[in-house]
PDB file of N, CA and C in Angstrom:
ATOM      1  N   MET A   1     -38.746  23.553  -8.165  1.00  0.00           N
ATOM      2  CA  MET A   1     -39.086  22.154  -8.368  1.00  0.00           C
ATOM      3  C   MET A   1     -38.383  21.331  -7.292  1.00  0.00           C
ATOM      4  N   LYS A   2     -39.048  20.358  -6.781  1.00  0.00           N
ATOM      5  CA  LYS A   2     -38.531  19.536  -5.685  1.00  0.00           C
ATOM      6  C   LYS A   2     -37.563  18.471  -6.216  1.00  0.00           C
ATOM      7  N   GLN A   3     -36.397  18.356  -5.553  1.00  0.00           N
ATOM      8  CA  GLN A   3     -35.398  17.349  -5.944  1.00  0.00           C
ATOM      9  C   GLN A   3     -35.836  15.971  -5.465  1.00  0.00           C
ATOM     10  N   PRO A   4     -35.667  14.929  -6.289  1.00  0.00           N
ATOM     11  CA  PRO A   4     -35.996  13.582  -5.813  1.00  0.00           C
ATOM     12  C   PRO A   4     -35.000  13.153  -4.740  1.00  0.00           C
ATOM     13  N   GLN A   5     -35.499  12.455  -3.741  1.00  0.00           N
ATOM     14  CA  GLN A   5     -34.626  11.989  -2.667  1.00  0.00           C
ATOM     15  C   GLN A   5     -33.857  10.764  -3.127  1.00  0.00           C
ATOM     16  N   ARG A   6     -32.569  10.758  -2.736  1.00  0.00           N
ATOM     17  CA  ARG A   6     -31.740   9.598  -3.066  1.00  0.00           C
ATOM     18  C   ARG A   6     -31.859   8.569  -1.950  1.00  0.00           C
ATOM     19  N   ALA A   7     -31.839   7.345  -2.340  1.00  0.00           N
ATOM     20  CA  ALA A   7     -31.878   6.270  -1.342  1.00  0.00           C
ATOM     21  C   ALA A   7     -30.532   6.210  -0.632  1.00  0.00           C
ATOM     22  N   ALA A   8     -30.549   5.854   0.614  1.00  0.00           N
ATOM     23  CA  ALA A   8     -29.304   5.730   1.375  1.00  0.00           C
ATOM     24  C   ALA A   8     -28.444   4.644   0.738  1.00  0.00           C
ATOM     25  N   PRO A   9     -27.126   4.874   0.654  1.00  0.00           N
ATOM     26  CA  PRO A   9     -26.274   3.851   0.046  1.00  0.00           C
ATOM     27  C   PRO A   9     -26.342   2.548   0.834  1.00  0.00           C
ATOM     28  N   LYS A  10     -26.342   1.472   0.116  1.00  0.00           N
ATOM     29  CA  LYS A  10     -26.425   0.154   0.738  1.00  0.00           C
ATOM     30  C   LYS A  10     -25.140  -0.126   1.512  1.00  0.00           C
ATOM     31  N   LYS A  11     -25.277  -0.527   2.760  1.00  0.00           N
ATOM     32  CA  LYS A  11     -24.108  -0.838   3.570  1.00  0.00           C
ATOM     33  C   LYS A  11     -23.557  -2.173   3.100  1.00  0.00           C
ATOM     34  N   LEU A  12     -22.277  -2.147   2.707  1.00  0.00           N
ATOM     35  CA  LEU A  12     -21.637  -3.363   2.235  1.00  0.00           C
ATOM     36  C   LEU A  12     -21.180  -4.193   3.427  1.00  0.00           C
ATOM     37  N   ASP A  13     -21.211  -5.472   3.272  1.00  0.00           N
ATOM     38  CA  ASP A  13     -20.878  -6.379   4.362  1.00  0.00           C
ATOM     39  C   ASP A  13     -19.432  -6.842   4.220  1.00  0.00           C
ATOM     40  N   TYR A  14     -18.502  -6.058   4.759  1.00  0.00           N
ATOM     41  CA  TYR A  14     -17.089  -6.397   4.725  1.00  0.00           C
ATOM     42  C   TYR A  14     -16.650  -6.887   6.101  1.00  0.00           C
ATOM     43  N   PRO A  15     -15.766  -7.868   6.140  1.00  0.00           N
ATOM     44  CA  PRO A  15     -15.267  -8.316   7.442  1.00  0.00           C
ATOM     45  C   PRO A  15     -14.356  -7.261   8.068  1.00  0.00           C
ATOM     46  N   GLU A  16     -14.337  -7.206   9.392  1.00  0.00           N
ATOM     47  CA  GLU A  16     -13.482  -6.263  10.104  1.00  0.00           C
ATOM     48  C   GLU A  16     -12.004  -6.581   9.870  1.00  0.00           C
ATOM     49  N   GLU A  17     -11.660  -7.859   9.799  1.00  0.00           N
ATOM     50  CA  GLU A  17     -10.268  -8.264   9.666  1.00  0.00           C
ATOM     51  C   GLU A  17     -10.182  -9.452   8.708  1.00  0.00           C
ATOM     52  N   THR A  18      -9.156  -9.435   7.868  1.00  0.00           N
ATOM     53  CA  THR A  18      -8.928 -10.535   6.938  1.00  0.00           C
ATOM     54  C   THR A  18      -7.474 -10.958   7.046  1.00  0.00           C
ATOM     55  N   SER A  19      -7.122 -12.039   6.394  1.00  0.00           N
ATOM     56  CA  SER A  19      -5.718 -12.463   6.410  1.00  0.00           C
ATOM     57  C   SER A  19      -4.842 -11.419   5.726  1.00  0.00           C
ATOM     58  N   GLY A  20      -5.364 -10.754   4.699  1.00  0.00           N
ATOM     59  CA  GLY A  20      -4.613  -9.701   4.014  1.00  0.00           C
ATOM     60  C   GLY A  20      -4.389  -8.484   4.901  1.00  0.00           C
ATOM     61  N   SER A  21      -5.414  -8.106   5.679  1.00  0.00           N
ATOM     62  CA  SER A  21      -5.245  -6.944   6.556  1.00  0.00           C
ATOM     63  C   SER A  21      -4.275  -7.254   7.687  1.00  0.00           C
ATOM     64  N   ARG A  22      -4.276  -8.491   8.166  1.00  0.00           N
ATOM     65  CA  ARG A  22      -3.310  -8.882   9.205  1.00  0.00           C
ATOM     66  C   ARG A  22      -1.899  -8.888   8.641  1.00  0.00           C
ATOM     67  N   LEU A  23      -1.731  -9.386   7.426  1.00  0.00           N
ATOM     68  CA  LEU A  23      -0.416  -9.410   6.779  1.00  0.00           C
ATOM     69  C   LEU A  23       0.083  -7.986   6.522  1.00  0.00           C
ATOM     70  N   ALA A  24      -0.805  -7.101   6.081  1.00  0.00           N
ATOM     71  CA  ALA A  24      -0.423  -5.710   5.830  1.00  0.00           C
ATOM     72  C   ALA A  24       0.000  -5.019   7.126  1.00  0.00           C
ATOM     73  N   ALA A  25      -0.697  -5.285   8.223  1.00  0.00           N
ATOM     74  CA  ALA A  25      -0.332  -4.696   9.512  1.00  0.00           C
ATOM     75  C   ALA A  25       1.041  -5.185   9.962  1.00  0.00           C
ATOM     76  N   LYS A  26       1.298  -6.455   9.748  1.00  0.00           N
ATOM     77  CA  LYS A  26       2.603  -7.018  10.107  1.00  0.00           C
ATOM     78  C   LYS A  26       3.710  -6.389   9.254  1.00  0.00           C
ATOM     79  N   ALA A  27       3.454  -6.219   7.966  1.00  0.00           N
ATOM     80  CA  ALA A  27       4.440  -5.612   7.070  1.00  0.00           C
ATOM     81  C   ALA A  27       4.716  -4.168   7.467  1.00  0.00           C
ATOM     82  N   ARG A  28       3.667  -3.401   7.818  1.00  0.00           N
ATOM     83  CA  ARG A  28       3.859  -2.019   8.256  1.00  0.00           C
ATOM     84  C   ARG A  28       4.675  -1.954   9.543  1.00  0.00           C
ATOM     85  N   LYS A  29       4.413  -2.886  10.460  1.00  0.00           N
ATOM     86  CA  LYS A  29       5.146  -2.917  11.724  1.00  0.00           C
ATOM     87  C   LYS A  29       6.625  -3.200  11.483  1.00  0.00           C
ATOM     88  N   LEU A  30       6.920  -4.154  10.615  1.00  0.00           N
ATOM     89  CA  LEU A  30       8.313  -4.481  10.302  1.00  0.00           C
ATOM     90  C   LEU A  30       8.987  -3.341   9.537  1.00  0.00           C
ATOM     91  N   ALA A  31       8.257  -2.724   8.626  1.00  0.00           N
ATOM     92  CA  ALA A  31       8.831  -1.647   7.810  1.00  0.00           C
ATOM     93  C   ALA A  31       9.143  -0.406   8.637  1.00  0.00           C
ATOM     94  N   SER A  32       8.404  -0.192   9.706  1.00  0.00           N
ATOM     95  CA  SER A  32       8.648   1.000  10.521  1.00  0.00           C
ATOM     96  C   SER A  32       9.985   0.935  11.252  1.00  0.00           C
ATOM     97  N   LYS A  33      10.568  -0.251  11.320  1.00  0.00           N
ATOM     98  CA  LYS A  33      11.854  -0.429  12.005  1.00  0.00           C
ATOM     99  C   LYS A  33      13.051  -0.298  11.065  1.00  0.00           C
ATOM    100  N   LEU A  34      12.810  -0.090   9.765  1.00  0.00           N
ATOM    101  CA  LEU A  34      13.899  -0.006   8.802  1.00  0.00           C
ATOM    102  C   LEU A  34      14.592   1.354   8.865  1.00  0.00           C
ATOM    103  N   THR A  35      15.886   1.334   8.587  1.00  0.00           N
ATOM    104  CA  THR A  35      16.621   2.588   8.444  1.00  0.00           C
ATOM    105  C   THR A  35      16.286   3.172   7.073  1.00  0.00           C
ATOM    106  N   PRO A  36      16.559   4.456   6.846  1.00  0.00           N
ATOM    107  CA  PRO A  36      16.295   5.030   5.517  1.00  0.00           C
ATOM    108  C   PRO A  36      17.037   4.292   4.401  1.00  0.00           C
ATOM    109  N   GLU A  37      18.246   3.829   4.666  1.00  0.00           N
ATOM    110  CA  GLU A  37      19.005   3.094   3.647  1.00  0.00           C
ATOM    111  C   GLU A  37      18.333   1.753   3.336  1.00  0.00           C
ATOM    112  N   GLU A  38      17.879   1.046   4.378  1.00  0.00           N
ATOM    113  CA  GLU A  38      17.205  -0.235   4.168  1.00  0.00           C
ATOM    114  C   GLU A  38      15.882  -0.019   3.426  1.00  0.00           C
ATOM    115  N   GLU A  39      15.172   1.043   3.782  1.00  0.00           N
ATOM    116  CA  GLU A  39      13.911   1.348   3.116  1.00  0.00           C
ATOM    117  C   GLU A  39      14.142   1.618   1.629  1.00  0.00           C
ATOM    118  N   ALA A  40      15.186   2.385   1.312  1.00  0.00           N
ATOM    119  CA  ALA A  40      15.504   2.691  -0.081  1.00  0.00           C
ATOM    120  C   ALA A  40      15.861   1.415  -0.846  1.00  0.00           C
ATOM    121  N   GLU A  41      16.588   0.515  -0.214  1.00  0.00           N
ATOM    122  CA  GLU A  41      16.962  -0.742  -0.865  1.00  0.00           C
ATOM    123  C   GLU A  41      15.727  -1.599  -1.144  1.00  0.00           C
ATOM    124  N   HIS A  42      14.810  -1.689  -0.185  1.00  0.00           N
ATOM    125  CA  HIS A  42      13.576  -2.454  -0.400  1.00  0.00           C
ATOM    126  C   HIS A  42      12.738  -1.819  -1.511  1.00  0.00           C
ATOM    127  N   PHE A  43      12.692  -0.495  -1.536  1.00  0.00           N
ATOM    128  CA  PHE A  43      11.962   0.202  -2.602  1.00  0.00           C
ATOM    129  C   PHE A  43      12.570  -0.131  -3.960  1.00  0.00           C
ATOM    130  N   ARG A  44      13.909  -0.074  -4.045  1.00  0.00           N
ATOM    131  CA  ARG A  44      14.593  -0.368  -5.303  1.00  0.00           C
ATOM    132  C   ARG A  44      14.304  -1.795  -5.753  1.00  0.00           C
ATOM    133  N   ARG A  45      14.358  -2.737  -4.819  1.00  0.00           N
ATOM    134  CA  ARG A  45      14.067  -4.133  -5.168  1.00  0.00           C
ATOM    135  C   ARG A  45      12.615  -4.320  -5.591  1.00  0.00           C
ATOM    136  N   GLY A  46      11.708  -3.629  -4.924  1.00  0.00           N
ATOM    137  CA  GLY A  46      10.296  -3.710  -5.297  1.00  0.00           C
ATOM    138  C   GLY A  46      10.054  -3.194  -6.699  1.00  0.00           C
ATOM    139  N   MET A  47      10.684  -2.074  -7.035  1.00  0.00           N
ATOM    140  CA  MET A  47      10.546  -1.524  -8.384  1.00  0.00           C
ATOM    141  C   MET A  47      11.138  -2.486  -9.415  1.00  0.00           C
ATOM    142  N   ALA A  48      12.240  -3.145  -9.060  1.00  0.00           N
ATOM    143  CA  ALA A  48      12.832  -4.122  -9.975  1.00  0.00           C
ATOM    144  C   ALA A  48      11.881  -5.301 -10.176  1.00  0.00           C
ATOM    145  N   MET A  49      11.187  -5.710  -9.108  1.00  0.00           N
ATOM    146  CA  MET A  49      10.223  -6.815  -9.236  1.00  0.00           C
ATOM    147  C   MET A  49       9.050  -6.398 -10.121  1.00  0.00           C
ATOM    148  N   ILE A  50       8.576  -5.168  -9.950  1.00  0.00           N
ATOM    149  CA  ILE A  50       7.426  -4.697 -10.721  1.00  0.00           C
ATOM    150  C   ILE A  50       7.790  -4.521 -12.191  1.00  0.00           C
ATOM    151  N   TYR A  51       8.910  -3.870 -12.449  1.00  0.00           N
ATOM    152  CA  TYR A  51       9.282  -3.530 -13.821  1.00  0.00           C
ATOM    153  C   TYR A  51      10.192  -4.559 -14.482  1.00  0.00           C
ATOM    154  N   GLY A  52      10.657  -5.549 -13.726  1.00  0.00           N
ATOM    155  CA  GLY A  52      11.364  -6.668 -14.312  1.00  0.00           C
ATOM    156  C   GLY A  52      12.839  -6.476 -14.577  1.00  0.00           C
ATOM    157  N   SER A  53      13.454  -5.399 -14.135  1.00  0.00           N
ATOM    158  CA  SER A  53      14.889  -5.222 -14.330  1.00  0.00           C
ATOM    159  C   SER A  53      15.414  -4.250 -13.293  1.00  0.00           C
ATOM    160  N   GLN A  54      16.716  -4.135 -13.239  1.00  0.00           N
ATOM    161  CA  GLN A  54      17.346  -3.188 -12.334  1.00  0.00           C
ATOM    162  C   GLN A  54      17.230  -1.781 -12.907  1.00  0.00           C
ATOM    163  N   PRO A  55      17.007  -0.784 -12.048  1.00  0.00           N
ATOM    164  CA  PRO A  55      16.937   0.583 -12.579  1.00  0.00           C
ATOM    165  C   PRO A  55      18.301   1.038 -13.094  1.00  0.00           C
ATOM    166  N   LYS A  56      18.304   1.865 -14.129  1.00  0.00           N
ATOM    167  CA  LYS A  56      19.540   2.335 -14.718  1.00  0.00           C
ATOM    168  C   LYS A  56      20.230   3.381 -13.849  1.00  0.00           C
ATOM    169  N   GLU A  57      19.453   4.103 -13.052  1.00  0.00           N
ATOM    170  CA  GLU A  57      20.058   5.089 -12.165  1.00  0.00           C
ATOM    171  C   GLU A  57      19.472   4.900 -10.760  1.00  0.00           C
ATOM    172  N   ILE A  58      20.182   5.337  -9.776  1.00  0.00           N
ATOM    173  CA  ILE A  58      19.730   5.206  -8.405  1.00  0.00           C
ATOM    174  C   ILE A  58      18.746   6.332  -8.124  1.00  0.00           C
ATOM    175  N   THR A  59      17.557   5.943  -7.667  1.00  0.00           N
ATOM    176  CA  THR A  59      16.541   6.930  -7.355  1.00  0.00           C
ATOM    177  C   THR A  59      16.198   6.824  -5.880  1.00  0.00           C
ATOM    178  N   GLY A  60      15.622   7.878  -5.339  1.00  0.00           N
ATOM    179  CA  GLY A  60      15.197   7.877  -3.942  1.00  0.00           C
ATOM    180  C   GLY A  60      13.941   7.067  -3.763  1.00  0.00           C
ATOM    181  N   ALA A  61      13.520   6.943  -2.530  1.00  0.00           N
ATOM    182  CA  ALA A  61      12.325   6.160  -2.228  1.00  0.00           C
ATOM    183  C   ALA A  61      11.047   6.879  -2.642  1.00  0.00           C
ATOM    184  N   GLY A  62      11.158   8.118  -3.070  1.00  0.00           N
ATOM    185  CA  GLY A  62       9.991   8.799  -3.572  1.00  0.00           C
ATOM    186  C   GLY A  62       9.232   9.565  -2.511  1.00  0.00           C
ATOM    187  N   HIS A  63       9.832   9.740  -1.343  1.00  0.00           N
ATOM    188  CA  HIS A  63       9.153  10.552  -0.320  1.00  0.00           C
ATOM    189  C   HIS A  63      10.113  11.278   0.514  1.00  0.00           C
TER     190      HIS A  63
END
């Protein structure tokens, strides 16, 4: 039996660059200059912002 042909997926109209993508690129550029200790501190602070308190134990950056 012959399979029905699927229509090609519709191409979505996304902009090449947005203010968010520019901000993310800037953040990645700045983050690449951090030492491992600074990176771990930023990770710890980010987790505190997400979860609303300081972690009870010191954890690594997760990578």
